[in-house]
């Protein structure tokens, strides 16, 4: 598997995990400021992750222990933003 295909699969997997987490553990009453705060926190975690590590094992640990949870958190905050936008437009999503 090429690096690009792995990156796409990782992001799609993170998005699916975020959708599952939103359905399984719904959050009600989130405000725009809190959603933006969650997004900034997820981006900060992604920013501080090291770009390169020494061994392939360390690279996989970094990807699955740091990058994947941060991507799930970022996608989850995007889902919350979409839900908040739907609610403010009067859509009956839930």
PDB file of N, CA and C in Angstrom:
ATOM      1  N   UNK A   1       0.848  -1.170   0.000  1.00  0.00           N
ATOM      2  CA  UNK A   1       0.000   0.000   0.000  1.00  0.00           C
ATOM      3  C   UNK A   1       0.892   1.232   0.000  1.00  0.00           C
ATOM      4  N   UNK A   2       0.582   2.159  -0.856  1.00  0.00           N
ATOM      5  CA  UNK A   2       1.388   3.377  -0.933  1.00  0.00           C
ATOM      6  C   UNK A   2       1.055   4.305   0.240  1.00  0.00           C
ATOM      7  N   UNK A   3       1.917   5.285   0.439  1.00  0.00           N
ATOM      8  CA  UNK A   3       1.706   6.238   1.533  1.00  0.00           C
ATOM      9  C   UNK A   3       0.428   7.036   1.340  1.00  0.00           C
ATOM     10  N   UNK A   4       0.143   7.426   0.103  1.00  0.00           N
ATOM     11  CA  UNK A   4      -1.066   8.198  -0.170  1.00  0.00           C
ATOM     12  C   UNK A   4      -2.331   7.402   0.097  1.00  0.00           C
ATOM     13  N   UNK A   5      -2.330   6.135  -0.328  1.00  0.00           N
ATOM     14  CA  UNK A   5      -3.502   5.284  -0.082  1.00  0.00           C
ATOM     15  C   UNK A   5      -3.676   5.039   1.413  1.00  0.00           C
ATOM     16  N   UNK A   6      -2.578   4.882   2.138  1.00  0.00           N
ATOM     17  CA  UNK A   6      -2.668   4.691   3.583  1.00  0.00           C
ATOM     18  C   UNK A   6      -3.221   5.935   4.264  1.00  0.00           C
ATOM     19  N   UNK A   7      -2.788   7.115   3.817  1.00  0.00           N
ATOM     20  CA  UNK A   7      -3.282   8.362   4.404  1.00  0.00           C
ATOM     21  C   UNK A   7      -4.784   8.521   4.158  1.00  0.00           C
ATOM     22  N   UNK A   8      -5.231   8.208   2.953  1.00  0.00           N
ATOM     23  CA  UNK A   8      -6.663   8.298   2.647  1.00  0.00           C
ATOM     24  C   UNK A   8      -7.452   7.314   3.494  1.00  0.00           C
ATOM     25  N   UNK A   9      -6.960   6.087   3.617  1.00  0.00           N
ATOM     26  CA  UNK A   9      -7.640   5.081   4.435  1.00  0.00           C
ATOM     27  C   UNK A   9      -7.672   5.505   5.904  1.00  0.00           C
ATOM     28  N   UNK A  10      -6.604   6.115   6.377  1.00  0.00           N
ATOM     29  CA  UNK A  10      -6.535   6.573   7.767  1.00  0.00           C
ATOM     30  C   UNK A  10      -7.572   7.661   8.028  1.00  0.00           C
ATOM     31  N   UNK A  11      -7.682   8.622   7.133  1.00  0.00           N
ATOM     32  CA  UNK A  11      -8.649   9.708   7.314  1.00  0.00           C
ATOM     33  C   UNK A  11     -10.081   9.190   7.191  1.00  0.00           C
ATOM     34  N   UNK A  12     -10.333   8.305   6.235  1.00  0.00           N
ATOM     35  CA  UNK A  12     -11.677   7.730   6.108  1.00  0.00           C
ATOM     36  C   UNK A  12     -12.035   6.901   7.341  1.00  0.00           C
ATOM     37  N   UNK A  13     -11.101   6.151   7.844  1.00  0.00           N
ATOM     38  CA  UNK A  13     -11.339   5.388   9.064  1.00  0.00           C
ATOM     39  C   UNK A  13     -11.605   6.290  10.260  1.00  0.00           C
ATOM     40  N   UNK A  14     -10.867   7.383  10.351  1.00  0.00           N
ATOM     41  CA  UNK A  14     -11.094   8.342  11.434  1.00  0.00           C
ATOM     42  C   UNK A  14     -12.477   8.974  11.318  1.00  0.00           C
ATOM     43  N   UNK A  15     -12.898   9.282  10.093  1.00  0.00           N
ATOM     44  CA  UNK A  15     -14.228   9.871   9.900  1.00  0.00           C
ATOM     45  C   UNK A  15     -15.325   8.884  10.285  1.00  0.00           C
ATOM     46  N   UNK A  16     -15.146   7.617   9.922  1.00  0.00           N
ATOM     47  CA  UNK A  16     -16.138   6.608  10.301  1.00  0.00           C
ATOM     48  C   UNK A  16     -16.180   6.399  11.811  1.00  0.00           C
ATOM     49  N   UNK A  17     -15.028   6.399  12.452  1.00  0.00           N
ATOM     50  CA  UNK A  17     -15.000   6.297  13.911  1.00  0.00           C
ATOM     51  C   UNK A  17     -15.663   7.503  14.577  1.00  0.00           C
ATOM     52  N   UNK A  18     -15.468   8.695  13.996  1.00  0.00           N
ATOM     53  CA  UNK A  18     -16.099   9.899  14.542  1.00  0.00           C
ATOM     54  C   UNK A  18     -17.621   9.832  14.391  1.00  0.00           C
ATOM     55  N   UNK A  19     -18.097   9.361  13.255  1.00  0.00           N
ATOM     56  CA  UNK A  19     -19.541   9.218  13.070  1.00  0.00           C
ATOM     57  C   UNK A  19     -20.114   8.199  14.049  1.00  0.00           C
ATOM     58  N   UNK A  20     -19.403   7.084  14.233  1.00  0.00           N
ATOM     59  CA  UNK A  20     -19.850   6.088  15.196  1.00  0.00           C
ATOM     60  C   UNK A  20     -19.900   6.677  16.608  1.00  0.00           C
ATOM     61  N   UNK A  21     -18.871   7.409  16.997  1.00  0.00           N
ATOM     62  CA  UNK A  21     -18.823   7.999  18.332  1.00  0.00           C
ATOM     63  C   UNK A  21     -19.956   9.004  18.526  1.00  0.00           C
ATOM     64  N   UNK A  22     -20.292   9.747  17.485  1.00  0.00           N
ATOM     65  CA  UNK A  22     -21.379  10.721  17.595  1.00  0.00           C
ATOM     66  C   UNK A  22     -22.723  10.024  17.757  1.00  0.00           C
ATOM     67  N   UNK A  23     -22.923   8.924  17.054  1.00  0.00           N
ATOM     68  CA  UNK A  23     -24.190   8.193  17.174  1.00  0.00           C
ATOM     69  C   UNK A  23     -24.255   7.460  18.512  1.00  0.00           C
ATOM     70  N   UNK A  24     -23.141   6.871  18.917  1.00  0.00           N
ATOM     71  CA  UNK A  24     -23.122   6.062  20.142  1.00  0.00           C
ATOM     72  C   UNK A  24     -23.176   6.923  21.399  1.00  0.00           C
ATOM     73  N   UNK A  25     -22.480   8.050  21.401  1.00  0.00           N
ATOM     74  CA  UNK A  25     -22.419   8.941  22.557  1.00  0.00           C
ATOM     75  C   UNK A  25     -22.816  10.350  22.130  1.00  0.00           C
ATOM     76  N   UNK A  26     -24.106  10.607  21.924  1.00  0.00           N
ATOM     77  CA  UNK A  26     -24.520  11.928  21.425  1.00  0.00           C
ATOM     78  C   UNK A  26     -24.267  13.028  22.459  1.00  0.00           C
ATOM     79  N   UNK A  27     -23.846  14.173  21.953  1.00  0.00           N
ATOM     80  CA  UNK A  27     -23.613  15.349  22.797  1.00  0.00           C
ATOM     81  C   UNK A  27     -24.656  16.384  22.446  1.00  0.00           C
ATOM     82  N   UNK A  28     -25.406  16.817  23.408  1.00  0.00           N
ATOM     83  CA  UNK A  28     -26.418  17.842  23.193  1.00  0.00           C
ATOM     84  C   UNK A  28     -25.952  19.140  23.850  1.00  0.00           C
ATOM     85  N   UNK A  29     -26.409  20.234  23.308  1.00  0.00           N
ATOM     86  CA  UNK A  29     -26.139  21.534  23.924  1.00  0.00           C
ATOM     87  C   UNK A  29     -24.758  22.097  23.670  1.00  0.00           C
ATOM     88  N   UNK A  30     -24.057  21.631  22.663  1.00  0.00           N
ATOM     89  CA  UNK A  30     -22.746  22.216  22.364  1.00  0.00           C
ATOM     90  C   UNK A  30     -22.922  23.574  21.702  1.00  0.00           C
ATOM     91  N   UNK A  31     -22.144  24.506  22.121  1.00  0.00           N
ATOM     92  CA  UNK A  31     -22.166  25.859  21.552  1.00  0.00           C
ATOM     93  C   UNK A  31     -21.003  26.012  20.582  1.00  0.00           C
ATOM     94  N   UNK A  32     -21.110  27.020  19.735  1.00  0.00           N
ATOM     95  CA  UNK A  32     -20.091  27.262  18.711  1.00  0.00           C
ATOM     96  C   UNK A  32     -18.708  27.458  19.332  1.00  0.00           C
ATOM     97  N   UNK A  33     -18.625  28.175  20.450  1.00  0.00           N
ATOM     98  CA  UNK A  33     -17.328  28.426  21.071  1.00  0.00           C
ATOM     99  C   UNK A  33     -16.677  27.126  21.531  1.00  0.00           C
ATOM    100  N   UNK A  34     -17.470  26.214  22.062  1.00  0.00           N
ATOM    101  CA  UNK A  34     -16.907  24.941  22.522  1.00  0.00           C
ATOM    102  C   UNK A  34     -16.456  24.086  21.343  1.00  0.00           C
ATOM    103  N   UNK A  35     -17.235  24.102  20.255  1.00  0.00           N
ATOM    104  CA  UNK A  35     -16.853  23.325  19.075  1.00  0.00           C
ATOM    105  C   UNK A  35     -15.556  23.860  18.482  1.00  0.00           C
ATOM    106  N   UNK A  36     -15.427  25.169  18.406  1.00  0.00           N
ATOM    107  CA  UNK A  36     -14.190  25.771  17.898  1.00  0.00           C
ATOM    108  C   UNK A  36     -13.026  25.425  18.833  1.00  0.00           C
ATOM    109  N   UNK A  37     -13.269  25.442  20.137  1.00  0.00           N
ATOM    110  CA  UNK A  37     -12.230  25.056  21.094  1.00  0.00           C
ATOM    111  C   UNK A  37     -11.781  23.615  20.907  1.00  0.00           C
ATOM    112  N   UNK A  38     -12.745  22.711  20.684  1.00  0.00           N
ATOM    113  CA  UNK A  38     -12.397  21.314  20.430  1.00  0.00           C
ATOM    114  C   UNK A  38     -11.593  21.184  19.135  1.00  0.00           C
ATOM    115  N   UNK A  39     -11.980  21.933  18.102  1.00  0.00           N
ATOM    116  CA  UNK A  39     -11.252  21.883  16.832  1.00  0.00           C
ATOM    117  C   UNK A  39      -9.821  22.388  16.991  1.00  0.00           C
ATOM    118  N   UNK A  40      -9.653  23.462  17.727  1.00  0.00           N
ATOM    119  CA  UNK A  40      -8.315  24.004  17.957  1.00  0.00           C
ATOM    120  C   UNK A  40      -7.467  23.023  18.759  1.00  0.00           C
ATOM    121  N   UNK A  41      -8.073  22.369  19.737  1.00  0.00           N
ATOM    122  CA  UNK A  41      -7.334  21.373  20.530  1.00  0.00           C
ATOM    123  C   UNK A  41      -6.881  20.205  19.653  1.00  0.00           C
ATOM    124  N   UNK A  42      -7.760  19.736  18.770  1.00  0.00           N
ATOM    125  CA  UNK A  42      -7.386  18.626  17.877  1.00  0.00           C
ATOM    126  C   UNK A  42      -6.276  19.050  16.924  1.00  0.00           C
ATOM    127  N   UNK A  43      -6.365  20.248  16.379  1.00  0.00           N
ATOM    128  CA  UNK A  43      -5.313  20.732  15.489  1.00  0.00           C
ATOM    129  C   UNK A  43      -3.995  20.925  16.230  1.00  0.00           C
ATOM    130  N   UNK A  44      -4.061  21.349  17.499  1.00  0.00           N
ATOM    131  CA  UNK A  44      -2.838  21.508  18.289  1.00  0.00           C
ATOM    132  C   UNK A  44      -2.160  20.161  18.518  1.00  0.00           C
ATOM    133  N   UNK A  45      -2.962  19.134  18.775  1.00  0.00           N
ATOM    134  CA  UNK A  45      -2.381  17.798  18.947  1.00  0.00           C
ATOM    135  C   UNK A  45      -1.724  17.339  17.649  1.00  0.00           C
ATOM    136  N   UNK A  46      -2.386  17.559  16.521  1.00  0.00           N
ATOM    137  CA  UNK A  46      -1.793  17.185  15.237  1.00  0.00           C
ATOM    138  C   UNK A  46      -0.518  17.972  14.952  1.00  0.00           C
ATOM    139  N   UNK A  47      -0.480  19.215  15.411  1.00  0.00           N
ATOM    140  CA  UNK A  47       0.680  20.064  15.158  1.00  0.00           C
ATOM    141  C   UNK A  47       1.917  19.593  15.921  1.00  0.00           C
ATOM    142  N   UNK A  48       1.744  19.084  17.137  1.00  0.00           N
ATOM    143  CA  UNK A  48       2.898  18.723  17.960  1.00  0.00           C
ATOM    144  C   UNK A  48       3.381  17.290  17.729  1.00  0.00           C
ATOM    145  N   UNK A  49       2.689  16.526  16.891  1.00  0.00           N
ATOM    146  CA  UNK A  49       3.123  15.167  16.597  1.00  0.00           C
ATOM    147  C   UNK A  49       4.399  15.235  15.754  1.00  0.00           C
ATOM    148  N   UNK A  50       5.422  14.454  16.109  1.00  0.00           N
ATOM    149  CA  UNK A  50       6.668  14.515  15.340  1.00  0.00           C
ATOM    150  C   UNK A  50       6.464  14.052  13.903  1.00  0.00           C
ATOM    151  N   UNK A  51       7.168  14.698  12.985  1.00  0.00           N
ATOM    152  CA  UNK A  51       7.037  14.390  11.569  1.00  0.00           C
ATOM    153  C   UNK A  51       7.732  13.112  11.151  1.00  0.00           C
ATOM    154  N   UNK A  52       8.819  12.812  11.778  1.00  0.00           N
ATOM    155  CA  UNK A  52       9.531  11.577  11.421  1.00  0.00           C
ATOM    156  C   UNK A  52      10.072  10.938  12.691  1.00  0.00           C
ATOM    157  N   UNK A  53      10.054   9.627  12.679  1.00  0.00           N
ATOM    158  CA  UNK A  53      10.597   8.859  13.803  1.00  0.00           C
ATOM    159  C   UNK A  53      11.598   7.863  13.241  1.00  0.00           C
ATOM    160  N   UNK A  54      12.371   7.263  14.115  1.00  0.00           N
ATOM    161  CA  UNK A  54      13.472   6.426  13.671  1.00  0.00           C
ATOM    162  C   UNK A  54      13.089   5.119  13.020  1.00  0.00           C
ATOM    163  N   UNK A  55      12.310   4.323  13.665  1.00  0.00           N
ATOM    164  CA  UNK A  55      12.053   2.973  13.165  1.00  0.00           C
ATOM    165  C   UNK A  55      10.628   2.838  12.641  1.00  0.00           C
ATOM    166  N   UNK A  56      10.370   1.836  11.828  1.00  0.00           N
ATOM    167  CA  UNK A  56       9.007   1.603  11.344  1.00  0.00           C
ATOM    168  C   UNK A  56       8.026   1.278  12.458  1.00  0.00           C
ATOM    169  N   UNK A  57       8.502   0.605  13.492  1.00  0.00           N
ATOM    170  CA  UNK A  57       7.617   0.291  14.624  1.00  0.00           C
ATOM    171  C   UNK A  57       7.203   1.575  15.337  1.00  0.00           C
ATOM    172  N   UNK A  58       8.148   2.464  15.559  1.00  0.00           N
ATOM    173  CA  UNK A  58       7.838   3.743  16.202  1.00  0.00           C
ATOM    174  C   UNK A  58       6.906   4.572  15.322  1.00  0.00           C
ATOM    175  N   UNK A  59       7.059   4.469  14.011  1.00  0.00           N
ATOM    176  CA  UNK A  59       6.175   5.198  13.105  1.00  0.00           C
ATOM    177  C   UNK A  59       4.744   4.683  13.217  1.00  0.00           C
ATOM    178  N   UNK A  60       4.568   3.377  13.271  1.00  0.00           N
ATOM    179  CA  UNK A  60       3.218   2.817  13.401  1.00  0.00           C
ATOM    180  C   UNK A  60       2.599   3.156  14.754  1.00  0.00           C
ATOM    181  N   UNK A  61       3.408   3.120  15.798  1.00  0.00           N
ATOM    182  CA  UNK A  61       2.898   3.510  17.117  1.00  0.00           C
ATOM    183  C   UNK A  61       2.466   4.963  17.104  1.00  0.00           C
ATOM    184  N   UNK A  62       3.256   5.822  16.484  1.00  0.00           N
ATOM    185  CA  UNK A  62       2.899   7.243  16.388  1.00  0.00           C
ATOM    186  C   UNK A  62       1.608   7.429  15.610  1.00  0.00           C
ATOM    187  N   UNK A  63       1.471   6.717  14.507  1.00  0.00           N
ATOM    188  CA  UNK A  63       0.267   6.867  13.683  1.00  0.00           C
ATOM    189  C   UNK A  63      -0.970   6.414  14.434  1.00  0.00           C
ATOM    190  N   UNK A  64      -0.919   5.233  15.042  1.00  0.00           N
ATOM    191  CA  UNK A  64      -2.120   4.680  15.648  1.00  0.00           C
ATOM    192  C   UNK A  64      -2.366   5.150  17.079  1.00  0.00           C
ATOM    193  N   UNK A  65      -1.350   5.651  17.763  1.00  0.00           N
ATOM    194  CA  UNK A  65      -1.545   6.132  19.129  1.00  0.00           C
ATOM    195  C   UNK A  65      -1.748   7.642  19.206  1.00  0.00           C
ATOM    196  N   UNK A  66      -1.263   8.386  18.216  1.00  0.00           N
ATOM    197  CA  UNK A  66      -1.373   9.843  18.267  1.00  0.00           C
ATOM    198  C   UNK A  66      -2.166  10.431  17.099  1.00  0.00           C
ATOM    199  N   UNK A  67      -1.826  10.036  15.887  1.00  0.00           N
ATOM    200  CA  UNK A  67      -2.451  10.645  14.708  1.00  0.00           C
ATOM    201  C   UNK A  67      -3.907  10.224  14.577  1.00  0.00           C
ATOM    202  N   UNK A  68      -4.191   8.938  14.686  1.00  0.00           N
ATOM    203  CA  UNK A  68      -5.567   8.472  14.523  1.00  0.00           C
ATOM    204  C   UNK A  68      -6.522   9.079  15.556  1.00  0.00           C
ATOM    205  N   UNK A  69      -6.199   9.070  16.856  1.00  0.00           N
ATOM    206  CA  UNK A  69      -7.115   9.716  17.807  1.00  0.00           C
ATOM    207  C   UNK A  69      -7.301  11.211  17.551  1.00  0.00           C
ATOM    208  N   UNK A  70      -6.238  11.900  17.146  1.00  0.00           N
ATOM    209  CA  UNK A  70      -6.369  13.331  16.855  1.00  0.00           C
ATOM    210  C   UNK A  70      -7.258  13.562  15.630  1.00  0.00           C
ATOM    211  N   UNK A  71      -7.136  12.712  14.619  1.00  0.00           N
ATOM    212  CA  UNK A  71      -8.002  12.834  13.442  1.00  0.00           C
ATOM    213  C   UNK A  71      -9.453  12.517  13.782  1.00  0.00           C
ATOM    214  N   UNK A  72      -9.671  11.524  14.625  1.00  0.00           N
ATOM    215  CA  UNK A  72     -11.037  11.206  15.056  1.00  0.00           C
ATOM    216  C   UNK A  72     -11.624  12.399  15.803  1.00  0.00           C
ATOM    217  N   UNK A  73     -10.858  12.997  16.686  1.00  0.00           N
ATOM    218  CA  UNK A  73     -11.300  14.166  17.455  1.00  0.00           C
ATOM    219  C   UNK A  73     -11.625  15.334  16.527  1.00  0.00           C
ATOM    220  N   UNK A  74     -10.799  15.554  15.524  1.00  0.00           N
ATOM    221  CA  UNK A  74     -11.048  16.630  14.575  1.00  0.00           C
ATOM    222  C   UNK A  74     -12.302  16.354  13.749  1.00  0.00           C
ATOM    223  N   UNK A  75     -12.465  15.133  13.283  1.00  0.00           N
ATOM    224  CA  UNK A  75     -13.671  14.782  12.518  1.00  0.00           C
ATOM    225  C   UNK A  75     -14.919  14.853  13.396  1.00  0.00           C
ATOM    226  N   UNK A  76     -14.786  14.473  14.653  1.00  0.00           N
ATOM    227  CA  UNK A  76     -15.920  14.549  15.566  1.00  0.00           C
ATOM    228  C   UNK A  76     -16.346  15.996  15.797  1.00  0.00           C
ATOM    229  N   UNK A  77     -15.394  16.892  15.913  1.00  0.00           N
ATOM    230  CA  UNK A  77     -15.760  18.300  16.063  1.00  0.00           C
ATOM    231  C   UNK A  77     -16.394  18.839  14.780  1.00  0.00           C
ATOM    232  N   UNK A  78     -15.998  18.308  13.627  1.00  0.00           N
ATOM    233  CA  UNK A  78     -16.650  18.698  12.374  1.00  0.00           C
ATOM    234  C   UNK A  78     -18.092  18.190  12.334  1.00  0.00           C
ATOM    235  N   UNK A  79     -18.330  16.979  12.825  1.00  0.00           N
ATOM    236  CA  UNK A  79     -19.696  16.451  12.894  1.00  0.00           C
ATOM    237  C   UNK A  79     -20.535  17.310  13.827  1.00  0.00           C
ATOM    238  N   UNK A  80     -19.965  17.705  14.961  1.00  0.00           N
ATOM    239  CA  UNK A  80     -20.696  18.575  15.886  1.00  0.00           C
ATOM    240  C   UNK A  80     -21.029  19.909  15.236  1.00  0.00           C
ATOM    241  N   UNK A  81     -20.103  20.446  14.450  1.00  0.00           N
ATOM    242  CA  UNK A  81     -20.359  21.711  13.759  1.00  0.00           C
ATOM    243  C   UNK A  81     -21.497  21.553  12.753  1.00  0.00           C
ATOM    244  N   UNK A  82     -21.515  20.455  12.013  1.00  0.00           N
ATOM    245  CA  UNK A  82     -22.599  20.229  11.043  1.00  0.00           C
ATOM    246  C   UNK A  82     -23.937  20.103  11.773  1.00  0.00           C
ATOM    247  N   UNK A  83     -23.954  19.376  12.878  1.00  0.00           N
ATOM    248  CA  UNK A  83     -25.197  19.230  13.643  1.00  0.00           C
ATOM    249  C   UNK A  83     -25.672  20.568  14.189  1.00  0.00           C
ATOM    250  N   UNK A  84     -24.742  21.381  14.694  1.00  0.00           N
ATOM    251  CA  UNK A  84     -25.113  22.701  15.200  1.00  0.00           C
ATOM    252  C   UNK A  84     -25.651  23.574  14.076  1.00  0.00           C
ATOM    253  N   UNK A  85     -25.032  23.513  12.903  1.00  0.00           N
ATOM    254  CA  UNK A  85     -25.491  24.289  11.760  1.00  0.00           C
ATOM    255  C   UNK A  85     -26.877  23.840  11.322  1.00  0.00           C
ATOM    256  N   UNK A  86     -27.119  22.537  11.295  1.00  0.00           N
ATOM    257  CA  UNK A  86     -28.439  22.024  10.938  1.00  0.00           C
ATOM    258  C   UNK A  86     -29.488  22.483  11.937  1.00  0.00           C
ATOM    259  N   UNK A  87     -29.144  22.440  13.211  1.00  0.00           N
ATOM    260  CA  UNK A  87     -30.095  22.853  14.241  1.00  0.00           C
ATOM    261  C   UNK A  87     -30.399  24.346  14.149  1.00  0.00           C
ATOM    262  N   UNK A  88     -29.393  25.154  13.832  1.00  0.00           N
ATOM    263  CA  UNK A  88     -29.633  26.594  13.754  1.00  0.00           C
ATOM    264  C   UNK A  88     -30.408  26.990  12.509  1.00  0.00           C
ATOM    265  N   UNK A  89     -30.373  26.134  11.465  1.00  0.00           N
ATOM    266  CA  UNK A  89     -31.151  26.400  10.247  1.00  0.00           C
ATOM    267  C   UNK A  89     -32.552  25.832  10.331  1.00  0.00           C
ATOM    268  N   UNK A  90     -32.859  25.154  11.420  1.00  0.00           N
ATOM    269  CA  UNK A  90     -34.193  24.621  11.600  1.00  0.00           C
ATOM    270  C   UNK A  90     -34.396  23.263  10.981  1.00  0.00           C
ATOM    271  N   UNK A  91     -33.319  22.582  10.624  1.00  0.00           N
ATOM    272  CA  UNK A  91     -33.428  21.256  10.044  1.00  0.00           C
ATOM    273  C   UNK A  91     -33.784  20.248  11.131  1.00  0.00           C
ATOM    274  N   UNK A  92     -34.510  19.213  10.768  1.00  0.00           N
ATOM    275  CA  UNK A  92     -34.887  18.193  11.746  1.00  0.00           C
ATOM    276  C   UNK A  92     -34.002  16.968  11.562  1.00  0.00           C
ATOM    277  N   UNK A  93     -32.713  17.139  11.836  1.00  0.00           N
ATOM    278  CA  UNK A  93     -31.749  16.049  11.666  1.00  0.00           C
ATOM    279  C   UNK A  93     -31.924  14.986  12.748  1.00  0.00           C
ATOM    280  N   UNK A  94     -32.297  15.363  13.941  1.00  0.00           N
ATOM    281  CA  UNK A  94     -32.511  14.387  15.031  1.00  0.00           C
ATOM    282  C   UNK A  94     -33.910  14.461  15.538  1.00  0.00           C
TER     283      UNK A  94
END
